[in-house]
Amino acid sequence: MTDEHLDRKVRDADPYRPEVIANLGGAAQDLLEEIMSTPTLETVTEPPGGRPRARRHLRSSLVSAGVAAAVLAVVFGVSMVKTDQPAGTDASPEVSSTPEAPITYSAMVLKAAEQNPRLLINQPGWKATAVYGFTKQVGAITFTNGGRHLEMNWYQARQYDGYHQSRLNVSKPEPVQVDRWPGELFRYSADEFAVMLRPRDGAFVEMRTSGGWARSDFDRVLASVVRVDARTWLAALPAEIVTPSRVTERAAAVLADVPLPPGFDPATLTIEGVNDPYQFGFQVIGPVGCGWIAEWLRAKEAGDDAALRRAADALRGSHTWKVLHQMNAAGDWPEAFWETADQVVAGKPPATYKNTITCE
């Protein structure tokens, strides 16, 4: 029997499958209740706004197999935590907390979580600081520890061959394993590495470091990566993530001090999957900026001076939009937005603005 077959049997025997009610408390219950009430999930794609350069810390850190449940119980109010374990070994201990009203898992959301790789770093100091995706085996999580970052991206298994062929141009692969999951390590430079795990359960994972890593440090982190159950993985998502049912409410908050271009309806925003505030922010503000630039171009062409002034005032005023300043602490997209807006106001709209600020 292979490890994968064994894992499947362990997962099938899990008493906390989607049809079972679990007791959660505190922030974790609020988060999971909202996530699991989501009625539908759709495929997401790589966010055109790119990845952030630095992210805020999350409230999750799995410290060791023996205390993982205790950490999540303290931080998230999780009543019980269990990692995927091969038969004959001890699962993470159950940790009790004050029970609150039970919640019913959405089978669809639990299924989506179970279809994802669900990998966490079981080492002190590492925290999930960014997330996007979550649907149909596509998504990413960035883990941060001080100045080090490790990004885990997962994709559909059918894309593996293309990615793998590309990585063969980076370096000669070295065989590795991550929690009994075979893969290959590639060196981008002396201090930057990537690991591609082979397809499993319809998906494959690529882990990529930031610069400044020693190979020995990367090996230690790889040795501490664990595959966990769906509930543990969901609880480890950043508490500030935006799930589909929160889009309308969060979009309204983001747009509170943002003038809207003519004809723009926030209800038409299509934002899929689960996104942290940075990824959500550019998916909301991008269409607004594009709308104002389109209005500026229209007014310029039509000789509509009043409309031209309104569009210019809105774009100029983007330097005061609260959401962009919040995002600017986490990534470069706001700077690109402001530079583009300033060029338009100066009468020199860049031909590439649609790509720069992610117009649909």
Protein backbone atom coordinates (compact mmCIF):
# COMPACT_ATOMS: atom_id res chain seq x y z
CA MET A 1 0.00 0.00 0.00
CA THR A 2 1.44 3.40 -0.97
CA ASP A 3 1.60 6.42 1.35
CA GLU A 4 -1.04 8.14 -0.77
CA HIS A 5 -3.43 5.20 -0.45
CA LEU A 6 -2.77 5.11 3.27
CA ASP A 7 -3.45 8.83 3.57
CA ARG A 8 -6.73 8.40 1.73
CA LYS A 9 -7.82 5.69 4.16
CA VAL A 10 -6.89 7.86 7.14
CA ARG A 11 -8.77 10.81 5.64
CA ASP A 12 -11.82 8.65 4.95
CA ALA A 13 -11.78 7.49 8.56
CA ASP A 14 -11.66 11.05 9.88
CA PRO A 15 -14.58 11.50 12.31
CA TYR A 16 -14.64 15.21 11.47
CA ARG A 17 -15.77 14.85 7.87
CA PRO A 18 -18.07 17.52 6.37
CA GLU A 19 -21.20 15.90 7.69
CA VAL A 20 -19.99 16.15 11.29
CA ILE A 21 -20.57 19.19 13.49
CA ALA A 22 -17.50 20.71 15.15
CA ASN A 23 -17.37 23.15 18.06
CA LEU A 24 -15.22 26.22 17.57
CA GLY A 25 -14.85 29.34 19.65
CA GLY A 26 -13.77 32.95 19.32
CA ALA A 27 -12.31 34.35 16.11
CA ALA A 28 -12.05 30.94 14.47
CA GLN A 29 -15.76 30.33 14.80
CA ASP A 30 -16.59 33.71 13.31
CA LEU A 31 -14.20 33.08 10.43
CA LEU A 32 -15.28 29.54 9.68
CA GLU A 33 -18.98 30.25 10.06
CA GLU A 34 -18.65 32.93 7.39
CA ILE A 35 -16.43 30.88 5.08
CA MET A 36 -18.60 27.80 5.33
CA SER A 37 -21.80 29.68 4.63
CA THR A 38 -20.50 30.55 1.15
CA PRO A 39 -22.98 29.07 -1.33
CA THR A 40 -20.70 28.63 -4.36
CA LEU A 41 -17.06 28.37 -5.22
CA GLU A 42 -15.53 29.07 -8.64
CA THR A 43 -12.14 28.77 -10.22
CA VAL A 44 -9.76 31.65 -9.58
CA THR A 45 -6.77 32.71 -11.62
CA GLU A 46 -3.44 34.30 -10.81
CA PRO A 47 -4.27 37.83 -9.58
CA PRO A 48 -3.09 40.37 -12.16
CA GLY A 49 -2.11 42.79 -9.42
CA GLY A 50 0.78 40.55 -8.52
CA ARG A 51 2.06 39.45 -5.18
CA PRO A 52 2.77 41.83 -2.31
CA ARG A 53 6.32 42.62 -1.28
CA ALA A 54 5.68 42.26 2.46
CA ARG A 55 2.65 41.15 4.41
CA ARG A 56 1.11 41.64 7.81
CA HIS A 57 1.39 38.87 10.34
CA LEU A 58 -1.41 36.41 10.95
CA ARG A 59 -2.46 34.88 14.22
CA SER A 60 -1.53 31.29 13.33
CA SER A 61 1.64 29.33 14.06
CA LEU A 62 1.88 25.58 14.35
CA VAL A 63 4.69 25.03 16.80
CA SER A 64 5.01 21.24 17.00
CA ALA A 65 2.89 18.19 16.40
CA GLY A 66 2.37 17.89 20.14
CA VAL A 67 1.25 21.46 20.72
CA ALA A 68 -0.32 22.41 17.38
CA ALA A 69 -3.80 21.96 18.79
CA ALA A 70 -2.96 24.03 21.85
CA VAL A 71 -1.66 26.91 19.75
CA LEU A 72 -4.76 26.99 17.57
CA ALA A 73 -6.99 26.63 20.60
CA VAL A 74 -5.43 29.72 22.16
CA VAL A 75 -5.23 31.78 18.99
CA PHE A 76 -8.37 30.73 17.13
CA GLY A 77 -10.49 29.17 19.87
CA VAL A 78 -10.36 25.79 18.11
CA SER A 79 -11.79 22.96 20.16
CA MET A 80 -10.11 20.06 18.36
CA VAL A 81 -7.29 19.85 15.83
CA LYS A 82 -6.07 16.82 13.91
CA THR A 83 -3.32 16.57 11.31
CA ASP A 84 -3.30 13.89 8.62
CA GLN A 85 -1.48 10.95 10.18
CA PRO A 86 -0.46 7.55 8.87
CA ALA A 87 -1.99 4.58 10.62
CA GLY A 88 -0.24 3.55 13.81
CA THR A 89 0.92 7.03 14.81
CA ASP A 90 -0.57 9.45 17.28
CA ALA A 91 -2.69 12.27 15.92
CA SER A 92 -2.48 15.73 17.45
CA PRO A 93 -4.05 15.68 20.89
CA GLU A 94 -7.52 17.02 21.41
CA VAL A 95 -7.63 20.31 23.24
CA SER A 96 -10.83 21.39 24.86
CA SER A 97 -12.09 24.92 25.02
CA THR A 98 -15.34 26.35 26.21
CA PRO A 99 -17.88 25.07 23.69
CA GLU A 100 -20.13 27.50 21.93
CA ALA A 101 -23.10 27.01 19.64
CA PRO A 102 -22.18 24.29 17.12
CA ILE A 103 -21.90 25.21 13.47
CA THR A 104 -22.72 23.11 10.45
CA TYR A 105 -20.01 22.82 7.87
CA SER A 106 -20.85 23.66 4.29
CA ALA A 107 -20.09 20.42 2.47
CA MET A 108 -19.04 22.37 -0.62
CA VAL A 109 -16.49 24.49 1.25
CA LEU A 110 -15.14 21.52 3.18
CA LYS A 111 -14.82 19.61 -0.08
CA ALA A 112 -12.88 22.51 -1.61
CA ALA A 113 -10.57 22.59 1.41
CA GLU A 114 -10.05 18.85 1.24
CA GLN A 115 -9.15 19.08 -2.44
CA ASN A 116 -6.42 21.63 -1.68
CA PRO A 117 -2.97 20.51 -0.45
CA ARG A 118 -3.50 21.99 3.04
CA LEU A 119 0.16 22.41 3.97
CA LEU A 120 1.31 24.40 7.01
CA ILE A 121 4.75 25.05 8.51
CA ASN A 122 5.01 23.22 11.82
CA GLN A 123 7.82 25.38 13.23
CA PRO A 124 7.92 28.31 15.68
CA GLY A 125 7.68 31.81 14.24
CA TRP A 126 6.08 31.02 10.90
CA LYS A 127 2.74 32.69 10.21
CA ALA A 128 0.42 32.77 7.22
CA THR A 129 0.39 36.38 6.10
CA ALA A 130 -1.27 36.33 2.68
CA VAL A 131 -3.84 34.19 0.93
CA TYR A 132 -5.77 34.15 -2.31
CA GLY A 133 -7.64 31.56 -4.25
CA PHE A 134 -9.02 28.52 -2.41
CA THR A 135 -11.24 27.16 -5.14
CA LYS A 136 -10.88 24.15 -7.42
CA GLN A 137 -7.25 23.40 -6.57
CA VAL A 138 -5.93 26.86 -7.35
CA GLY A 139 -4.53 29.29 -4.79
CA ALA A 140 -1.57 30.45 -2.73
CA ILE A 141 -0.50 31.11 0.83
CA THR A 142 2.56 33.10 1.88
CA PHE A 143 4.21 32.26 5.19
CA THR A 144 6.48 34.77 6.90
CA ASN A 145 9.05 34.54 9.67
CA GLY A 146 10.91 37.78 10.24
CA GLY A 147 12.44 38.74 6.91
CA ARG A 148 11.97 35.32 5.33
CA HIS A 149 9.06 34.38 3.13
CA LEU A 150 7.95 31.02 1.79
CA GLU A 151 5.17 31.02 -0.76
CA MET A 152 3.11 27.92 -1.44
CA ASN A 153 1.24 27.94 -4.74
CA TRP A 154 -1.00 25.12 -5.85
CA TYR A 155 -2.37 24.43 -9.30
CA GLN A 156 -4.38 21.82 -11.11
CA ALA A 157 -2.45 18.63 -11.82
CA ARG A 158 -2.87 19.03 -15.58
CA GLN A 159 -0.54 22.05 -15.45
CA TYR A 160 2.30 20.13 -13.82
CA ASP A 161 4.17 19.08 -16.98
CA GLY A 162 4.38 22.63 -18.30
CA TYR A 163 5.62 24.06 -15.00
CA HIS A 164 8.06 21.19 -14.51
CA GLN A 165 9.55 21.62 -17.96
CA SER A 166 10.09 25.30 -17.25
CA ARG A 167 11.81 24.56 -13.93
CA LEU A 168 14.20 22.14 -15.65
CA ASN A 169 15.64 25.23 -17.32
CA VAL A 170 16.38 26.70 -13.88
CA SER A 171 18.66 23.98 -12.51
CA LYS A 172 19.16 20.26 -12.23
CA PRO A 173 16.45 18.91 -9.90
CA GLU A 174 17.27 17.30 -6.55
CA PRO A 175 14.83 14.76 -5.06
CA VAL A 176 13.14 15.80 -1.81
CA GLN A 177 10.13 14.81 0.27
CA VAL A 178 7.67 17.00 2.17
CA ASP A 179 5.63 15.08 4.73
CA ARG A 180 6.06 11.89 2.65
CA TRP A 181 5.09 13.79 -0.51
CA PRO A 182 7.83 13.36 -3.18
CA GLY A 183 9.07 16.32 -5.15
CA GLU A 184 12.09 18.05 -6.65
CA LEU A 185 14.15 21.02 -5.51
CA PHE A 186 15.42 23.66 -7.93
CA ARG A 187 18.02 26.37 -7.26
CA TYR A 188 17.30 29.82 -8.66
CA SER A 189 20.45 31.14 -7.01
CA ALA A 190 22.74 30.34 -4.10
CA ASP A 191 20.13 31.63 -1.65
CA GLU A 192 16.79 31.17 -3.46
CA PHE A 193 15.07 27.82 -3.92
CA ALA A 194 11.87 26.23 -5.14
CA VAL A 195 10.33 22.81 -4.58
CA MET A 196 7.78 21.26 -6.89
CA LEU A 197 5.73 18.45 -5.37
CA ARG A 198 4.31 15.82 -7.68
CA PRO A 199 0.59 15.92 -8.48
CA ARG A 200 -1.60 14.44 -5.78
CA ASP A 201 -5.38 14.44 -5.42
CA GLY A 202 -5.70 16.49 -8.61
CA ALA A 203 -3.27 19.26 -7.63
CA PHE A 204 0.43 19.97 -7.29
CA VAL A 205 2.30 22.42 -5.07
CA GLU A 206 5.25 24.67 -5.74
CA MET A 207 7.05 26.24 -2.79
CA ARG A 208 9.28 29.23 -3.50
CA THR A 209 11.55 31.06 -1.07
CA SER A 210 12.47 34.70 -1.03
CA GLY A 211 16.17 35.48 -1.25
CA GLY A 212 18.57 35.26 1.67
CA TRP A 213 18.04 31.60 2.54
CA ALA A 214 20.75 29.07 3.40
CA ARG A 215 20.10 25.61 2.00
CA SER A 216 20.33 24.14 5.51
CA ASP A 217 17.60 26.51 6.74
CA PHE A 218 15.37 25.61 3.83
CA ASP A 219 15.87 21.91 4.51
CA ARG A 220 14.82 22.39 8.13
CA VAL A 221 11.67 24.23 7.08
CA LEU A 222 10.81 21.59 4.50
CA ALA A 223 11.18 18.93 7.17
CA SER A 224 8.63 20.76 9.32
CA VAL A 225 5.93 21.22 6.66
CA VAL A 226 2.90 19.09 7.49
CA ARG A 227 -0.29 18.21 5.67
CA VAL A 228 -3.26 18.93 7.94
CA ASP A 229 -6.97 18.28 7.89
CA ALA A 230 -9.41 20.70 6.30
CA ARG A 231 -10.57 22.27 9.55
CA THR A 232 -7.05 23.06 10.72
CA TRP A 233 -6.14 24.52 7.35
CA LEU A 234 -9.25 26.71 7.27
CA ALA A 235 -8.55 27.96 10.79
CA ALA A 236 -5.03 28.97 9.76
CA LEU A 237 -6.26 31.42 7.11
CA PRO A 238 -5.78 35.10 7.99
CA ALA A 239 -8.69 36.41 10.02
CA GLU A 240 -9.08 39.44 7.74
CA ILE A 241 -9.65 37.47 4.55
CA VAL A 242 -12.60 38.35 2.33
CA THR A 243 -14.84 35.46 1.38
CA PRO A 244 -17.46 35.62 -1.40
CA SER A 245 -20.39 36.39 0.87
CA ARG A 246 -18.48 39.35 2.33
CA VAL A 247 -17.68 40.98 -1.00
CA THR A 248 -20.56 43.49 -0.99
CA GLU A 249 -19.94 44.60 2.58
CA ARG A 250 -16.16 44.85 2.20
CA ALA A 251 -16.38 46.58 -1.18
CA ALA A 252 -18.63 49.23 0.37
CA ALA A 253 -16.04 49.83 3.07
CA VAL A 254 -13.20 50.04 0.56
CA LEU A 255 -15.14 52.54 -1.58
CA ALA A 256 -16.34 54.70 1.31
CA ASP A 257 -14.07 57.65 0.38
CA VAL A 258 -13.64 56.79 -3.30
CA PRO A 259 -15.61 58.69 -5.98
CA LEU A 260 -17.11 56.34 -8.53
CA PRO A 261 -16.84 56.89 -12.29
CA PRO A 262 -20.00 57.32 -14.36
CA GLY A 263 -21.87 54.06 -14.85
CA PHE A 264 -19.82 52.13 -12.31
CA ASP A 265 -21.90 49.74 -10.18
CA PRO A 266 -20.09 48.01 -7.28
CA ALA A 267 -22.66 45.21 -7.52
CA THR A 268 -21.09 44.15 -10.82
CA LEU A 269 -17.72 43.39 -9.23
CA THR A 270 -16.74 39.76 -9.76
CA ILE A 271 -14.26 38.71 -7.09
CA GLU A 272 -13.79 34.99 -6.77
CA GLY A 273 -12.46 32.75 -4.06
CA VAL A 274 -10.87 33.89 -0.81
CA ASN A 275 -8.67 36.99 -0.81
CA ASP A 276 -6.70 38.90 1.77
CA PRO A 277 -7.19 42.70 1.96
CA TYR A 278 -4.34 43.45 -0.47
CA GLN A 279 -5.61 41.13 -3.19
CA PHE A 280 -9.20 42.24 -2.56
CA GLY A 281 -8.24 45.91 -2.63
CA PHE A 282 -6.75 45.95 -6.11
CA GLN A 283 -9.67 43.92 -7.45
CA VAL A 284 -12.02 46.66 -6.25
CA ILE A 285 -9.95 49.78 -6.91
CA GLY A 286 -8.57 48.58 -10.25
CA PRO A 287 -11.94 48.76 -12.03
CA VAL A 288 -12.63 52.15 -10.43
CA GLY A 289 -9.35 53.58 -11.70
CA CYS A 290 -9.94 52.08 -15.12
CA GLY A 291 -13.38 53.63 -15.19
CA TRP A 292 -12.03 57.08 -14.42
CA ILE A 293 -9.28 56.79 -17.03
CA ALA A 294 -11.81 55.67 -19.62
CA GLU A 295 -13.97 58.67 -18.70
CA TRP A 296 -10.96 61.00 -18.96
CA LEU A 297 -10.18 59.63 -22.44
CA ARG A 298 -13.81 59.97 -23.52
CA ALA A 299 -14.08 63.50 -22.25
CA LYS A 300 -10.79 64.49 -23.87
CA GLU A 301 -11.95 63.11 -27.20
CA ALA A 302 -15.37 64.77 -26.93
CA GLY A 303 -14.05 68.11 -25.72
CA ASP A 304 -16.15 67.76 -22.55
CA ASP A 305 -14.14 70.02 -20.26
CA ALA A 306 -16.39 69.61 -17.23
CA ALA A 307 -16.21 65.82 -17.37
CA LEU A 308 -12.47 66.02 -18.01
CA ARG A 309 -12.00 68.07 -14.81
CA ARG A 310 -14.11 65.63 -12.78
CA ALA A 311 -12.08 62.67 -13.99
CA ALA A 312 -8.79 64.45 -13.35
CA ASP A 313 -9.91 65.50 -9.86
CA ALA A 314 -10.89 61.91 -9.03
CA LEU A 315 -7.59 60.48 -10.24
CA ARG A 316 -5.59 63.18 -8.51
CA GLY A 317 -7.53 62.53 -5.34
CA SER A 318 -6.55 58.87 -5.34
CA HIS A 319 -3.50 59.90 -3.35
CA THR A 320 -5.83 60.34 -0.37
CA TRP A 321 -7.86 57.12 -0.71
CA LYS A 322 -7.59 55.25 2.54
CA VAL A 323 -7.49 51.76 1.04
CA LEU A 324 -4.49 52.55 -1.15
CA HIS A 325 -2.51 53.77 1.84
CA GLN A 326 -3.42 50.63 3.75
CA MET A 327 -2.33 48.49 0.81
CA ASN A 328 0.87 50.46 0.28
CA ALA A 329 2.32 49.06 3.48
CA ALA A 330 1.99 45.59 1.99
CA GLY A 331 2.82 45.85 -1.70
CA ASP A 332 3.74 47.94 -4.73
CA TRP A 333 0.43 48.10 -6.56
CA PRO A 334 -0.76 51.42 -5.04
CA GLU A 335 2.46 53.11 -6.20
CA ALA A 336 1.84 51.85 -9.72
CA PHE A 337 -1.76 53.08 -9.53
CA TRP A 338 -0.72 56.57 -8.39
CA GLU A 339 1.98 56.83 -11.05
CA THR A 340 -0.54 55.89 -13.73
CA ALA A 341 -3.15 58.32 -12.39
CA ASP A 342 -0.60 61.15 -12.31
CA GLN A 343 0.39 60.48 -15.92
CA VAL A 344 -3.24 60.65 -17.01
CA VAL A 345 -3.84 63.90 -15.13
CA ALA A 346 -0.71 65.32 -16.79
CA GLY A 347 -2.26 64.54 -20.15
CA LYS A 348 0.00 61.57 -20.89
CA PRO A 349 -2.08 58.43 -20.30
CA PRO A 350 0.20 55.37 -20.67
CA ALA A 351 -0.79 52.90 -23.34
CA THR A 352 -0.27 50.05 -20.86
CA TYR A 353 -2.53 51.40 -18.12
CA LYS A 354 -5.01 48.51 -18.45
CA ASN A 355 -2.32 46.01 -17.56
CA THR A 356 -0.75 48.20 -14.89
CA ILE A 357 -3.88 48.73 -12.82
CA THR A 358 -5.64 45.49 -13.80
CA CYS A 359 -8.55 46.58 -15.95
CA GLU A 360 -10.86 43.74 -16.93
